[in-house]
Amino acid sequence: MTLGPTVRRVTDPLEVQADAAQVLRSAFAGDGDSVVGAFDDMVRWGGVEAACELAWGLAATMVGQGLATGPWRLDFPDIEQANYDARWVARFLSAYANADLPTATALFRAAQVDGKLEQCLLMLAGSAVATIRKHGSA
């Protein structure tokens, strides 16, 4: 996934929600290419910020509604020994839980620069599916 410099655009929350639902359907089906394709489409449609908003929506699916206002602390023993994508997802979820969009955006860009964004987004989508299955919402 190639993400270049973009002009900030406002995305329609309903579009982001629909795209997040499509990502989840693809992830449930085990179709990683479609998951990545949905993020690529978001980048073409609304820039990097739109793709980050889509990832933010997946984080919302995992964390759920009605989260008490933070600060929330990431409690993941030995996180530095985890794979890059697992560390990224944990930190992205922590940023979501703390309503810290600047940190989430920085994580997004760092994964892009490191050449790991696609892997991280696949892990995020897979983690969202696992969370939904665990809570019986599928």
N, C-alpha and C. Protein backbone atom coordinates (compact mmCIF):
# COMPACT_ATOMS: atom_id res chain seq x y z
N MET A 1 0.85 -1.16 0.00
CA MET A 1 0.00 0.00 0.00
C MET A 1 0.90 1.22 0.00
N THR A 2 0.68 2.09 -0.94
CA THR A 2 1.48 3.30 -1.06
C THR A 2 0.63 4.49 -0.67
N LEU A 3 1.10 5.21 0.33
CA LEU A 3 0.37 6.37 0.81
C LEU A 3 1.29 7.57 0.70
N GLY A 4 0.93 8.48 -0.17
CA GLY A 4 1.74 9.68 -0.34
C GLY A 4 1.18 10.85 0.42
N PRO A 5 1.80 11.98 0.28
CA PRO A 5 1.27 13.18 0.93
C PRO A 5 -0.13 13.47 0.40
N THR A 6 -0.97 13.95 1.27
CA THR A 6 -2.34 14.23 0.86
C THR A 6 -2.79 15.57 1.42
N VAL A 7 -3.87 16.05 0.86
CA VAL A 7 -4.55 17.21 1.40
C VAL A 7 -5.65 16.67 2.30
N ARG A 8 -5.76 17.21 3.49
CA ARG A 8 -6.78 16.72 4.42
C ARG A 8 -8.16 16.92 3.83
N ARG A 9 -8.94 15.85 3.88
CA ARG A 9 -10.31 15.89 3.38
C ARG A 9 -11.25 15.43 4.48
N VAL A 10 -12.44 15.93 4.45
CA VAL A 10 -13.44 15.51 5.41
C VAL A 10 -14.14 14.29 4.82
N THR A 11 -14.24 13.24 5.61
CA THR A 11 -14.90 12.03 5.14
C THR A 11 -16.28 11.95 5.77
N ASP A 12 -17.18 11.34 5.05
CA ASP A 12 -18.54 11.14 5.51
C ASP A 12 -18.56 9.97 6.49
N PRO A 13 -19.00 10.19 7.73
CA PRO A 13 -19.01 9.11 8.72
C PRO A 13 -19.81 7.89 8.27
N LEU A 14 -20.86 8.10 7.50
CA LEU A 14 -21.64 6.96 7.02
C LEU A 14 -20.85 6.15 6.00
N GLU A 15 -20.06 6.83 5.18
CA GLU A 15 -19.20 6.13 4.22
C GLU A 15 -18.14 5.32 4.96
N VAL A 16 -17.53 5.93 5.97
CA VAL A 16 -16.51 5.23 6.76
C VAL A 16 -17.14 4.01 7.43
N GLN A 17 -18.34 4.16 7.97
CA GLN A 17 -19.03 3.06 8.61
C GLN A 17 -19.32 1.93 7.62
N ALA A 18 -19.76 2.29 6.43
CA ALA A 18 -20.04 1.29 5.40
C ALA A 18 -18.76 0.58 4.97
N ASP A 19 -17.67 1.35 4.84
CA ASP A 19 -16.39 0.74 4.47
C ASP A 19 -15.87 -0.16 5.58
N ALA A 20 -16.06 0.24 6.82
CA ALA A 20 -15.64 -0.61 7.94
C ALA A 20 -16.42 -1.91 7.94
N ALA A 21 -17.71 -1.84 7.64
CA ALA A 21 -18.53 -3.06 7.56
C ALA A 21 -18.02 -3.96 6.44
N GLN A 22 -17.63 -3.37 5.31
CA GLN A 22 -17.09 -4.17 4.20
C GLN A 22 -15.77 -4.81 4.59
N VAL A 23 -14.92 -4.07 5.28
CA VAL A 23 -13.64 -4.63 5.75
C VAL A 23 -13.91 -5.82 6.67
N LEU A 24 -14.87 -5.66 7.57
CA LEU A 24 -15.19 -6.76 8.49
C LEU A 24 -15.75 -7.97 7.75
N ARG A 25 -16.62 -7.74 6.76
CA ARG A 25 -17.13 -8.87 5.97
C ARG A 25 -15.98 -9.59 5.28
N SER A 26 -15.06 -8.84 4.71
CA SER A 26 -13.91 -9.45 4.03
C SER A 26 -13.02 -10.19 5.02
N ALA A 27 -12.81 -9.60 6.19
CA ALA A 27 -11.98 -10.25 7.21
C ALA A 27 -12.64 -11.53 7.71
N PHE A 28 -13.95 -11.49 7.93
CA PHE A 28 -14.67 -12.70 8.35
C PHE A 28 -14.53 -13.80 7.30
N ALA A 29 -14.50 -13.42 6.03
CA ALA A 29 -14.38 -14.38 4.94
C ALA A 29 -12.93 -14.83 4.72
N GLY A 30 -12.00 -14.21 5.45
CA GLY A 30 -10.59 -14.55 5.28
C GLY A 30 -9.98 -13.98 4.01
N ASP A 31 -10.57 -12.93 3.48
CA ASP A 31 -10.14 -12.32 2.22
C ASP A 31 -9.25 -11.11 2.50
N GLY A 32 -7.98 -11.38 2.78
CA GLY A 32 -7.04 -10.31 3.09
C GLY A 32 -6.86 -9.33 1.95
N ASP A 33 -6.93 -9.80 0.71
CA ASP A 33 -6.78 -8.89 -0.43
C ASP A 33 -7.89 -7.84 -0.44
N SER A 34 -9.11 -8.25 -0.11
CA SER A 34 -10.22 -7.29 -0.08
C SER A 34 -10.09 -6.33 1.09
N VAL A 35 -9.55 -6.81 2.20
CA VAL A 35 -9.31 -5.91 3.35
C VAL A 35 -8.35 -4.81 2.92
N VAL A 36 -7.22 -5.21 2.35
CA VAL A 36 -6.23 -4.23 1.90
C VAL A 36 -6.82 -3.35 0.80
N GLY A 37 -7.59 -3.94 -0.10
CA GLY A 37 -8.22 -3.18 -1.17
C GLY A 37 -9.14 -2.09 -0.66
N ALA A 38 -9.87 -2.38 0.41
CA ALA A 38 -10.77 -1.37 0.99
C ALA A 38 -9.97 -0.19 1.52
N PHE A 39 -8.85 -0.46 2.16
CA PHE A 39 -8.00 0.64 2.65
C PHE A 39 -7.40 1.41 1.47
N ASP A 40 -6.97 0.69 0.44
CA ASP A 40 -6.44 1.37 -0.75
C ASP A 40 -7.50 2.28 -1.37
N ASP A 41 -8.74 1.79 -1.43
CA ASP A 41 -9.84 2.61 -1.97
C ASP A 41 -10.04 3.87 -1.14
N MET A 42 -9.95 3.73 0.18
CA MET A 42 -10.11 4.89 1.05
C MET A 42 -9.01 5.92 0.79
N VAL A 43 -7.79 5.44 0.57
CA VAL A 43 -6.69 6.36 0.29
C VAL A 43 -6.96 7.11 -1.01
N ARG A 44 -7.39 6.39 -2.05
CA ARG A 44 -7.68 7.04 -3.33
C ARG A 44 -8.85 8.01 -3.20
N TRP A 45 -9.84 7.66 -2.41
CA TRP A 45 -11.04 8.48 -2.27
C TRP A 45 -10.81 9.70 -1.39
N GLY A 46 -10.15 9.49 -0.24
CA GLY A 46 -10.07 10.58 0.72
C GLY A 46 -8.71 10.81 1.35
N GLY A 47 -7.69 10.17 0.82
CA GLY A 47 -6.35 10.37 1.35
C GLY A 47 -6.06 9.49 2.55
N VAL A 48 -4.86 9.66 3.06
CA VAL A 48 -4.39 8.88 4.19
C VAL A 48 -5.30 9.05 5.40
N GLU A 49 -5.80 10.26 5.59
CA GLU A 49 -6.66 10.52 6.74
C GLU A 49 -7.92 9.66 6.68
N ALA A 50 -8.45 9.46 5.48
CA ALA A 50 -9.65 8.63 5.34
C ALA A 50 -9.35 7.18 5.70
N ALA A 51 -8.20 6.68 5.27
CA ALA A 51 -7.82 5.32 5.62
C ALA A 51 -7.61 5.18 7.13
N CYS A 52 -7.04 6.22 7.73
CA CYS A 52 -6.85 6.21 9.18
C CYS A 52 -8.20 6.23 9.89
N GLU A 53 -9.15 6.98 9.35
CA GLU A 53 -10.50 7.00 9.93
C GLU A 53 -11.16 5.63 9.84
N LEU A 54 -10.90 4.92 8.74
CA LEU A 54 -11.43 3.57 8.61
C LEU A 54 -10.83 2.66 9.68
N ALA A 55 -9.53 2.76 9.89
CA ALA A 55 -8.88 1.97 10.95
C ALA A 55 -9.44 2.38 12.33
N TRP A 56 -9.69 3.68 12.51
CA TRP A 56 -10.28 4.20 13.75
C TRP A 56 -11.65 3.55 13.99
N GLY A 57 -12.41 3.39 12.89
CA GLY A 57 -13.72 2.74 13.00
C GLY A 57 -13.60 1.28 13.41
N LEU A 58 -12.58 0.59 12.92
CA LEU A 58 -12.36 -0.80 13.34
C LEU A 58 -11.98 -0.85 14.82
N ALA A 59 -11.19 0.12 15.26
CA ALA A 59 -10.84 0.18 16.68
C ALA A 59 -12.10 0.38 17.52
N ALA A 60 -13.02 1.21 17.04
CA ALA A 60 -14.28 1.43 17.75
C ALA A 60 -15.07 0.13 17.87
N THR A 61 -15.04 -0.68 16.83
CA THR A 61 -15.71 -1.98 16.86
C THR A 61 -15.13 -2.86 17.96
N MET A 62 -13.83 -2.79 18.14
CA MET A 62 -13.18 -3.64 19.14
C MET A 62 -13.38 -3.13 20.55
N VAL A 63 -13.27 -1.83 20.74
CA VAL A 63 -13.35 -1.25 22.08
C VAL A 63 -14.79 -1.16 22.55
N GLY A 64 -15.71 -0.88 21.63
CA GLY A 64 -17.12 -0.82 21.97
C GLY A 64 -17.59 0.57 22.31
N GLN A 65 -18.86 0.66 22.62
CA GLN A 65 -19.51 1.93 22.93
C GLN A 65 -19.44 2.20 24.43
N GLY A 66 -19.58 3.44 24.79
CA GLY A 66 -19.72 3.81 26.20
C GLY A 66 -18.44 3.69 27.02
N LEU A 67 -17.30 3.81 26.39
CA LEU A 67 -16.04 3.74 27.12
C LEU A 67 -15.90 4.98 28.00
N ALA A 68 -15.60 4.77 29.26
CA ALA A 68 -15.39 5.89 30.17
C ALA A 68 -14.19 6.70 29.69
N THR A 69 -14.25 7.99 29.92
CA THR A 69 -13.16 8.87 29.52
C THR A 69 -11.89 8.46 30.25
N GLY A 70 -10.79 8.38 29.50
CA GLY A 70 -9.48 7.95 30.02
C GLY A 70 -8.91 8.93 31.02
N PRO A 71 -7.68 8.88 31.31
CA PRO A 71 -6.67 8.21 30.50
C PRO A 71 -6.66 6.69 30.72
N TRP A 72 -6.44 5.99 29.62
CA TRP A 72 -6.29 4.54 29.65
C TRP A 72 -4.83 4.22 29.44
N ARG A 73 -4.40 3.17 30.10
CA ARG A 73 -3.01 2.76 30.04
C ARG A 73 -2.94 1.43 29.31
N LEU A 74 -1.98 1.29 28.43
CA LEU A 74 -1.76 0.05 27.72
C LEU A 74 -1.13 -0.95 28.69
N ASP A 75 -1.82 -2.05 28.93
CA ASP A 75 -1.30 -3.08 29.83
C ASP A 75 -1.07 -4.35 29.03
N PHE A 76 0.11 -4.44 28.46
CA PHE A 76 0.46 -5.56 27.61
C PHE A 76 1.87 -5.97 28.01
N PRO A 77 1.98 -6.92 28.96
CA PRO A 77 3.32 -7.34 29.41
C PRO A 77 4.19 -7.79 28.23
N ASP A 78 5.43 -7.40 28.27
CA ASP A 78 6.41 -7.78 27.25
C ASP A 78 6.02 -7.34 25.84
N ILE A 79 5.35 -6.20 25.73
CA ILE A 79 4.90 -5.73 24.41
C ILE A 79 6.06 -5.58 23.43
N GLU A 80 7.22 -5.22 23.93
CA GLU A 80 8.35 -5.01 23.01
C GLU A 80 8.83 -6.31 22.37
N GLN A 81 8.44 -7.46 22.93
CA GLN A 81 8.81 -8.73 22.33
C GLN A 81 7.77 -9.20 21.30
N ALA A 82 6.64 -8.54 21.24
CA ALA A 82 5.59 -8.91 20.28
C ALA A 82 6.00 -8.50 18.87
N ASN A 83 5.39 -9.11 17.87
CA ASN A 83 5.62 -8.73 16.48
C ASN A 83 5.20 -7.28 16.26
N TYR A 84 5.78 -6.66 15.25
CA TYR A 84 5.50 -5.26 14.91
C TYR A 84 4.00 -5.02 14.80
N ASP A 85 3.30 -5.88 14.06
CA ASP A 85 1.88 -5.65 13.82
C ASP A 85 1.06 -5.76 15.10
N ALA A 86 1.43 -6.68 15.99
CA ALA A 86 0.71 -6.82 17.26
C ALA A 86 0.95 -5.59 18.15
N ARG A 87 2.20 -5.11 18.19
CA ARG A 87 2.50 -3.89 18.96
C ARG A 87 1.72 -2.71 18.40
N TRP A 88 1.67 -2.61 17.07
CA TRP A 88 0.99 -1.51 16.42
C TRP A 88 -0.50 -1.52 16.76
N VAL A 89 -1.13 -2.69 16.66
CA VAL A 89 -2.57 -2.79 16.97
C VAL A 89 -2.82 -2.41 18.42
N ALA A 90 -2.02 -2.92 19.34
CA ALA A 90 -2.21 -2.59 20.76
C ALA A 90 -2.09 -1.09 20.99
N ARG A 91 -1.11 -0.48 20.36
CA ARG A 91 -0.92 0.97 20.54
C ARG A 91 -2.01 1.77 19.84
N PHE A 92 -2.47 1.30 18.69
CA PHE A 92 -3.55 1.99 17.99
C PHE A 92 -4.83 1.92 18.82
N LEU A 93 -5.11 0.77 19.41
CA LEU A 93 -6.29 0.64 20.28
C LEU A 93 -6.17 1.51 21.51
N SER A 94 -4.98 1.62 22.05
CA SER A 94 -4.75 2.50 23.20
C SER A 94 -5.01 3.95 22.80
N ALA A 95 -4.54 4.33 21.62
CA ALA A 95 -4.79 5.69 21.13
C ALA A 95 -6.30 5.91 20.98
N TYR A 96 -7.00 4.92 20.45
CA TYR A 96 -8.46 5.05 20.31
C TYR A 96 -9.11 5.21 21.68
N ALA A 97 -8.74 4.34 22.62
CA ALA A 97 -9.35 4.37 23.95
C ALA A 97 -9.13 5.71 24.64
N ASN A 98 -8.03 6.37 24.30
CA ASN A 98 -7.73 7.68 24.88
C ASN A 98 -8.16 8.84 23.99
N ALA A 99 -8.90 8.53 22.92
CA ALA A 99 -9.37 9.54 21.97
C ALA A 99 -8.20 10.40 21.48
N ASP A 100 -7.08 9.74 21.21
CA ASP A 100 -5.85 10.42 20.81
C ASP A 100 -5.59 10.20 19.32
N LEU A 101 -6.34 10.92 18.50
CA LEU A 101 -6.21 10.79 17.06
C LEU A 101 -4.82 11.18 16.55
N PRO A 102 -4.16 12.20 17.12
CA PRO A 102 -2.80 12.51 16.64
C PRO A 102 -1.84 11.33 16.81
N THR A 103 -1.94 10.60 17.92
CA THR A 103 -1.07 9.44 18.11
C THR A 103 -1.43 8.34 17.12
N ALA A 104 -2.73 8.13 16.90
CA ALA A 104 -3.16 7.11 15.93
C ALA A 104 -2.63 7.46 14.54
N THR A 105 -2.71 8.72 14.18
CA THR A 105 -2.20 9.15 12.87
C THR A 105 -0.70 8.95 12.78
N ALA A 106 0.01 9.26 13.86
CA ALA A 106 1.46 9.06 13.88
C ALA A 106 1.81 7.58 13.75
N LEU A 107 1.05 6.72 14.41
CA LEU A 107 1.26 5.28 14.28
C LEU A 107 1.03 4.82 12.84
N PHE A 108 -0.01 5.36 12.23
CA PHE A 108 -0.35 5.03 10.86
C PHE A 108 0.81 5.39 9.94
N ARG A 109 1.30 6.62 10.10
CA ARG A 109 2.42 7.08 9.26
C ARG A 109 3.70 6.29 9.52
N ALA A 110 3.97 5.98 10.79
CA ALA A 110 5.18 5.21 11.12
C ALA A 110 5.14 3.83 10.46
N ALA A 111 3.99 3.17 10.51
CA ALA A 111 3.86 1.86 9.87
C ALA A 111 4.04 1.99 8.36
N GLN A 112 3.55 3.09 7.80
CA GLN A 112 3.72 3.33 6.37
C GLN A 112 5.20 3.46 6.04
N VAL A 113 5.90 4.30 6.78
CA VAL A 113 7.31 4.54 6.54
C VAL A 113 8.12 3.24 6.72
N ASP A 114 7.73 2.45 7.70
CA ASP A 114 8.43 1.19 7.98
C ASP A 114 8.07 0.08 7.00
N GLY A 115 7.12 0.36 6.09
CA GLY A 115 6.70 -0.65 5.12
C GLY A 115 5.86 -1.76 5.74
N LYS A 116 5.20 -1.46 6.86
CA LYS A 116 4.44 -2.47 7.59
C LYS A 116 2.95 -2.16 7.68
N LEU A 117 2.49 -1.11 7.00
CA LEU A 117 1.09 -0.69 7.18
C LEU A 117 0.11 -1.77 6.75
N GLU A 118 0.33 -2.38 5.61
CA GLU A 118 -0.59 -3.43 5.14
C GLU A 118 -0.71 -4.54 6.17
N GLN A 119 0.43 -4.99 6.68
CA GLN A 119 0.46 -6.05 7.69
C GLN A 119 -0.29 -5.61 8.95
N CYS A 120 -0.12 -4.38 9.36
CA CYS A 120 -0.78 -3.86 10.56
C CYS A 120 -2.30 -3.78 10.37
N LEU A 121 -2.72 -3.32 9.20
CA LEU A 121 -4.15 -3.21 8.93
C LEU A 121 -4.81 -4.58 8.85
N LEU A 122 -4.10 -5.55 8.31
CA LEU A 122 -4.63 -6.93 8.29
C LEU A 122 -4.76 -7.46 9.72
N MET A 123 -3.78 -7.17 10.56
CA MET A 123 -3.84 -7.60 11.96
C MET A 123 -4.98 -6.90 12.68
N LEU A 124 -5.19 -5.62 12.41
CA LEU A 124 -6.28 -4.87 13.03
C LEU A 124 -7.63 -5.47 12.63
N ALA A 125 -7.81 -5.75 11.35
CA ALA A 125 -9.06 -6.34 10.87
C ALA A 125 -9.27 -7.73 11.47
N GLY A 126 -8.22 -8.52 11.51
CA GLY A 126 -8.32 -9.85 12.11
C GLY A 126 -8.63 -9.79 13.60
N SER A 127 -8.05 -8.82 14.27
CA SER A 127 -8.31 -8.65 15.70
C SER A 127 -9.74 -8.20 15.94
N ALA A 128 -10.26 -7.35 15.06
CA ALA A 128 -11.66 -6.92 15.18
C ALA A 128 -12.59 -8.12 15.01
N VAL A 129 -12.30 -8.98 14.04
CA VAL A 129 -13.12 -10.18 13.83
C VAL A 129 -13.05 -11.08 15.06
N ALA A 130 -11.85 -11.29 15.60
CA ALA A 130 -11.70 -12.14 16.79
C ALA A 130 -12.47 -11.56 17.98
N THR A 131 -12.44 -10.24 18.11
CA THR A 131 -13.18 -9.59 19.21
C THR A 131 -14.69 -9.79 19.04
N ILE A 132 -15.16 -9.60 17.82
CA ILE A 132 -16.60 -9.78 17.55
C ILE A 132 -17.00 -11.22 17.83
N ARG A 133 -16.20 -12.15 17.37
CA ARG A 133 -16.52 -13.58 17.61
C ARG A 133 -16.52 -13.90 19.11
N LYS A 134 -15.55 -13.35 19.82
CA LYS A 134 -15.47 -13.61 21.27
C LYS A 134 -16.70 -13.10 21.99
N HIS A 135 -17.21 -11.98 21.56
CA HIS A 135 -18.36 -11.38 22.22
C HIS A 135 -19.69 -11.82 21.62
N GLY A 136 -19.63 -12.73 20.64
CA GLY A 136 -20.84 -13.30 20.07
C GLY A 136 -21.67 -12.33 19.27
N SER A 137 -21.05 -11.31 18.69
CA SER A 137 -21.80 -10.32 17.92
C SER A 137 -21.83 -10.65 16.43
N ALA A 138 -21.27 -11.79 16.05
CA ALA A 138 -21.21 -12.12 14.62
C ALA A 138 -22.44 -12.87 14.19
